[in-house]
Protein backbone atom coordinates (compact mmCIF):
# COMPACT_ATOMS: atom_id res chain seq x y z
CA MET A 1 -14.26 -5.89 1.15
CA SER A 2 -11.47 -7.39 3.17
CA VAL A 3 -8.64 -5.18 3.98
CA ARG A 4 -6.56 -6.91 1.62
CA LEU A 5 -8.30 -6.55 -1.61
CA ARG A 6 -8.96 -3.03 -0.72
CA ILE A 7 -5.09 -2.18 -0.56
CA ILE A 8 -5.09 -4.86 -4.15
CA SER A 9 -7.88 -2.17 -5.45
CA ALA A 10 -6.47 0.51 -5.05
CA MET A 11 -2.40 -0.08 -6.08
CA ARG A 12 -4.41 -0.88 -9.36
CA GLN A 13 -6.59 2.38 -9.70
CA VAL A 14 -3.03 4.52 -8.98
CA ALA A 15 -0.79 2.53 -11.04
CA GLU A 16 -3.49 3.34 -13.89
CA GLU A 17 -3.97 6.50 -13.27
CA GLN A 18 0.11 6.71 -13.02
CA LYS A 19 0.24 5.11 -16.23
CA VAL A 20 2.17 2.29 -14.48
CA THR A 21 2.44 -1.17 -15.49
CA LEU A 22 1.84 -3.53 -12.00
CA PRO A 23 3.61 -6.98 -12.66
CA PRO A 24 1.25 -9.43 -10.91
CA LEU A 25 1.17 -8.95 -7.23
CA ASP A 26 1.74 -10.98 -4.74
CA ASP A 27 2.90 -10.95 -1.00
CA GLU A 28 7.04 -11.49 -1.58
CA LEU A 29 6.92 -8.79 -4.50
CA SER A 30 9.28 -5.74 -3.48
CA LEU A 31 7.55 -2.38 -3.24
CA HIS A 32 11.17 -1.23 -5.41
CA GLU A 33 9.28 -3.85 -8.17
CA THR A 34 5.88 -2.64 -8.83
CA GLY A 35 7.00 0.24 -10.60
CA PHE A 36 5.54 3.17 -8.06
CA ASP A 37 7.69 6.04 -7.76
CA SER A 38 7.11 7.76 -4.48
CA LEU A 39 4.72 10.05 -5.76
CA ALA A 40 2.33 7.05 -6.42
CA PHE A 41 3.31 6.01 -3.18
CA ALA A 42 1.91 9.30 -1.11
CA ILE A 43 -0.97 9.26 -3.63
CA LEU A 44 -1.84 5.03 -2.47
CA VAL A 45 -1.30 6.00 1.10
CA ALA A 46 -3.39 8.94 1.14
CA ARG A 47 -6.10 7.07 -0.45
CA LEU A 48 -5.94 4.50 1.95
CA GLU A 49 -5.77 6.43 4.73
CA ASP A 50 -8.88 8.07 3.33
CA ASP A 51 -10.84 4.45 2.60
CA LEU A 52 -9.37 2.91 6.06
CA GLY A 53 -9.27 5.62 8.35
CA VAL A 54 -5.47 5.01 9.64
CA ASP A 55 -2.00 5.56 8.29
CA PRO A 56 -0.10 2.92 9.93
CA PHE A 57 3.25 4.53 8.87
CA THR A 58 2.40 7.76 11.10
CA ILE A 59 0.41 6.13 13.91
CA SER A 60 3.27 4.46 15.81
CA GLU A 61 6.85 5.89 16.81
CA ASP A 62 9.02 2.88 15.87
CA ALA A 63 7.06 2.17 12.32
CA THR A 64 9.37 1.30 9.57
CA PHE A 65 8.21 1.16 5.85
CA PRO A 66 7.59 -1.90 4.69
CA LEU A 67 10.09 -3.97 2.07
CA THR A 68 7.12 -6.46 0.02
CA ILE A 69 3.59 -6.09 -0.58
CA GLY A 70 2.75 -8.52 1.69
CA ASP A 71 4.65 -6.34 4.83
CA PHE A 72 2.79 -3.16 3.30
CA ILE A 73 -0.62 -4.90 3.79
CA ARG A 74 0.38 -6.44 6.91
CA ALA A 75 0.64 -3.52 7.69
CA TYR A 76 -2.48 -2.03 7.51
CA GLU A 77 -4.12 -5.31 9.07
CA ASN A 78 -1.71 -5.36 12.36
CA VAL A 79 -3.55 -1.29 12.88
CA PRO A 80 -4.41 -1.69 16.41
CA ALA A 81 -8.10 -1.34 16.91
């Protein structure tokens, strides 16, 4: 499964657990518009770190938090090996 699909799957799982109704997920959707609060994002990032073995927001000194779903996915896809 690709990184993109793993992230989308994790987002759907967290949304279900946190009782968030997700809009259709596309690259241009603002993370704010997902309906996730800070707890949901923290759970998502922790799950992705367990699944993918990396947290791109803590490994880089100049990492900025993404604004859209596409930015979020690219943050994980572009982690140096």
